[in-house]
Structure formats: C-alpha cells, structure tokens
C-alpha cells in the first residue's frame, strides 16, 4: 500500500485507524451480494441470524464449491454464480454468525492448532529434502 502524504485535516486524522473498506474489490462485493441474494430468496435474508447455524454445515458447503472450482468448474450450475463467490459467502456467513452469537461451533475437537503447525512444518522440511531442484 502506497503511503499517502500526511494530512492536517482532522477528519483524515480521525479516520487513520478506523476500518478500511475501500480496499475491498467492488467485483468481489457484487458477486458475493448476488450469491447472498440468491440465498435470501431461497432461505430468507440473513437467516443465519434468526436461527443458529452449525459451522460445519457452512464449512462443508464452501469445501464443495472450492473443490468444484479446483476441478476446473468456475460457475455453479445451480446459481449461475462463481464458485469462489459461494466460498466467500459461506466464509462471510460463518464470520457474521460468530459475531452475532448465532454460530454453533461444532468443529471437531481434539487436534490443536499447534500440532497442525508442527505437521505442516515437518511436511515442508520433508518436501524440501526430496526436491531435486534444491541442490541436495
């Protein structure tokens, strides 16, 4: 991000540490808005706020869209919207539901984040050792 010249305007100074929205790409907002509109027509607007929702239901939905995108399918056959917009919308719903106290956190327990990090680091080291291009 390019640094802007210092301003003496008190409103500019007051806004310095507030939430920044102008960095969110407009195309992203439009696509997510359309996916959420489809969901509102199908299930009711912001239905996750009126009834608690399970985190894993939205996680599974976003994974289905992500896997279809990874397999080369850009547009969801049912909605006609990009799979990645569905992924982002599911993330937005999980985050919003958490903020308003409507998220049932049913993520699997028993595997802590530090252990995940250790496993990822071990795999990275193993892959670096096996990589013939690293000069070993």
Protein backbone atom coordinates (compact mmCIF):
# COMPACT_ATOMS: atom_id res chain seq x y z
CA UNK A 1 0.00 0.00 0.00
CA UNK A 2 1.44 3.35 -1.02
CA UNK A 3 1.86 5.82 1.82
CA UNK A 4 -0.18 8.95 1.36
CA UNK A 5 1.12 12.41 2.30
CA UNK A 6 0.38 13.42 5.88
CA UNK A 7 -2.86 15.34 6.20
CA UNK A 8 -3.71 18.07 8.65
CA UNK A 9 -7.42 17.60 8.10
CA UNK A 10 -8.90 16.49 11.46
CA UNK A 11 -11.35 14.10 9.75
CA UNK A 12 -8.46 12.42 7.90
CA UNK A 13 -6.54 12.08 11.15
CA UNK A 14 -9.56 10.64 12.97
CA UNK A 15 -10.08 8.06 10.20
CA UNK A 16 -6.47 6.86 10.22
CA UNK A 17 -7.08 3.83 12.45
CA UNK A 18 -10.68 3.01 11.55
CA UNK A 19 -11.88 0.08 9.47
CA UNK A 20 -10.90 0.30 5.81
CA UNK A 21 -13.50 -0.62 3.21
CA UNK A 22 -12.20 1.00 0.03
CA UNK A 23 -9.64 -1.79 -0.38
CA UNK A 24 -12.32 -4.45 -0.90
CA UNK A 25 -12.62 -5.04 -4.66
CA UNK A 26 -16.02 -3.98 -5.98
CA UNK A 27 -16.32 -7.08 -8.20
CA UNK A 28 -15.90 -9.23 -5.09
CA UNK A 29 -18.70 -7.37 -3.30
CA UNK A 30 -21.01 -7.57 -6.31
CA UNK A 31 -20.52 -11.33 -6.74
CA UNK A 32 -20.97 -12.06 -3.03
CA UNK A 33 -24.02 -9.81 -2.97
CA UNK A 34 -25.57 -11.80 -5.78
CA UNK A 35 -24.87 -15.15 -4.08
CA UNK A 36 -26.31 -13.84 -0.81
CA UNK A 37 -29.33 -12.50 -2.74
CA UNK A 38 -29.91 -15.98 -4.20
CA UNK A 39 -29.66 -17.39 -0.68
CA UNK A 40 -32.09 -14.79 0.67
CA UNK A 41 -34.65 -15.74 -1.97
CA UNK A 42 -34.21 -19.43 -1.20
CA UNK A 43 -33.84 -19.43 2.61
CA UNK A 44 -34.70 -15.91 3.81
CA UNK A 45 -32.49 -12.85 4.17
CA UNK A 46 -29.76 -13.30 6.76
CA UNK A 47 -31.48 -16.45 8.02
CA UNK A 48 -28.34 -17.39 9.97
CA UNK A 49 -29.09 -14.52 12.35
CA UNK A 50 -32.60 -15.68 13.23
CA UNK A 51 -31.70 -19.34 13.75
CA UNK A 52 -28.34 -20.57 15.00
CA UNK A 53 -26.25 -22.31 12.36
CA UNK A 54 -23.63 -25.03 12.59
CA UNK A 55 -20.13 -24.09 11.47
CA UNK A 56 -19.58 -27.45 9.78
CA UNK A 57 -22.64 -27.06 7.53
CA UNK A 58 -21.15 -23.89 6.01
CA UNK A 59 -17.64 -25.34 6.01
CA UNK A 60 -18.87 -28.36 4.05
CA UNK A 61 -20.71 -26.09 1.59
CA UNK A 62 -17.66 -23.93 1.00
CA UNK A 63 -15.49 -27.01 0.51
CA UNK A 64 -17.90 -28.40 -2.09
CA UNK A 65 -17.69 -25.13 -4.04
CA UNK A 66 -13.92 -24.90 -3.59
CA UNK A 67 -13.40 -28.46 -4.82
CA UNK A 68 -15.57 -27.84 -7.87
CA UNK A 69 -13.57 -24.68 -8.61
CA UNK A 70 -10.28 -26.57 -8.13
CA UNK A 71 -11.55 -29.22 -10.56
CA UNK A 72 -11.92 -26.55 -13.23
CA UNK A 73 -15.56 -25.55 -12.91
CA UNK A 74 -15.77 -21.79 -12.43
CA UNK A 75 -19.54 -21.28 -12.36
CA UNK A 76 -22.01 -23.10 -10.10
CA UNK A 77 -24.56 -24.94 -12.21
CA UNK A 78 -27.49 -24.17 -9.89
CA UNK A 79 -26.98 -20.47 -9.20
CA UNK A 80 -25.05 -19.39 -12.28
CA UNK A 81 -22.64 -17.57 -9.94
CA UNK A 82 -18.91 -18.19 -9.46
CA UNK A 83 -17.98 -20.99 -7.08
CA UNK A 84 -15.46 -18.68 -5.43
CA UNK A 85 -18.27 -16.22 -4.64
CA UNK A 86 -20.07 -19.08 -2.90
CA UNK A 87 -16.89 -19.88 -0.95
CA UNK A 88 -16.54 -16.24 0.14
CA UNK A 89 -20.24 -16.03 1.02
CA UNK A 90 -20.01 -19.11 3.22
CA UNK A 91 -16.99 -17.60 4.98
CA UNK A 92 -18.91 -14.34 5.43
CA UNK A 93 -21.87 -16.19 6.96
CA UNK A 94 -19.65 -18.10 9.40
CA UNK A 95 -17.91 -14.89 10.44
CA UNK A 96 -21.15 -12.91 10.79
CA UNK A 97 -22.92 -15.69 12.69
CA UNK A 98 -19.99 -15.81 15.10
CA UNK A 99 -20.12 -12.03 15.62
CA UNK A 100 -23.84 -12.04 16.43
CA UNK A 101 -23.72 -15.14 18.64
CA UNK A 102 -25.59 -17.35 16.18
CA UNK A 103 -22.79 -19.81 15.35
CA UNK A 104 -22.82 -23.30 16.78
CA UNK A 105 -19.13 -24.14 16.84
CA UNK A 106 -19.25 -27.83 16.06
CA UNK A 107 -15.74 -28.07 14.66
CA UNK A 108 -14.09 -31.38 15.50
CA UNK A 109 -12.19 -31.22 18.77
CA UNK A 110 -9.00 -32.92 19.82
CA UNK A 111 -6.42 -31.72 17.31
CA UNK A 112 -4.87 -28.45 18.36
CA UNK A 113 -3.59 -25.73 16.06
CA UNK A 114 -0.01 -26.02 17.34
CA UNK A 115 0.07 -29.69 16.32
CA UNK A 116 -1.26 -28.80 12.87
CA UNK A 117 1.55 -26.23 12.53
CA UNK A 118 4.13 -28.85 13.56
CA UNK A 119 2.82 -31.32 10.99
CA UNK A 120 2.85 -28.70 8.24
CA UNK A 121 6.41 -27.71 9.08
CA UNK A 122 7.52 -31.36 9.07
CA UNK A 123 5.94 -31.86 5.65
CA UNK A 124 7.60 -28.69 4.34
CA UNK A 125 11.02 -29.92 5.50
CA UNK A 126 10.44 -33.36 4.02
CA UNK A 127 9.39 -31.88 0.69
CA UNK A 128 12.44 -29.60 0.64
CA UNK A 129 14.71 -32.60 1.26
CA UNK A 130 13.04 -34.61 -1.52
CA UNK A 131 13.10 -31.75 -4.05
CA UNK A 132 15.81 -32.47 -6.63
CA UNK A 133 15.95 -28.80 -7.64
CA UNK A 134 17.26 -27.63 -4.24
CA UNK A 135 20.78 -28.92 -4.96
CA UNK A 136 20.87 -31.77 -2.41
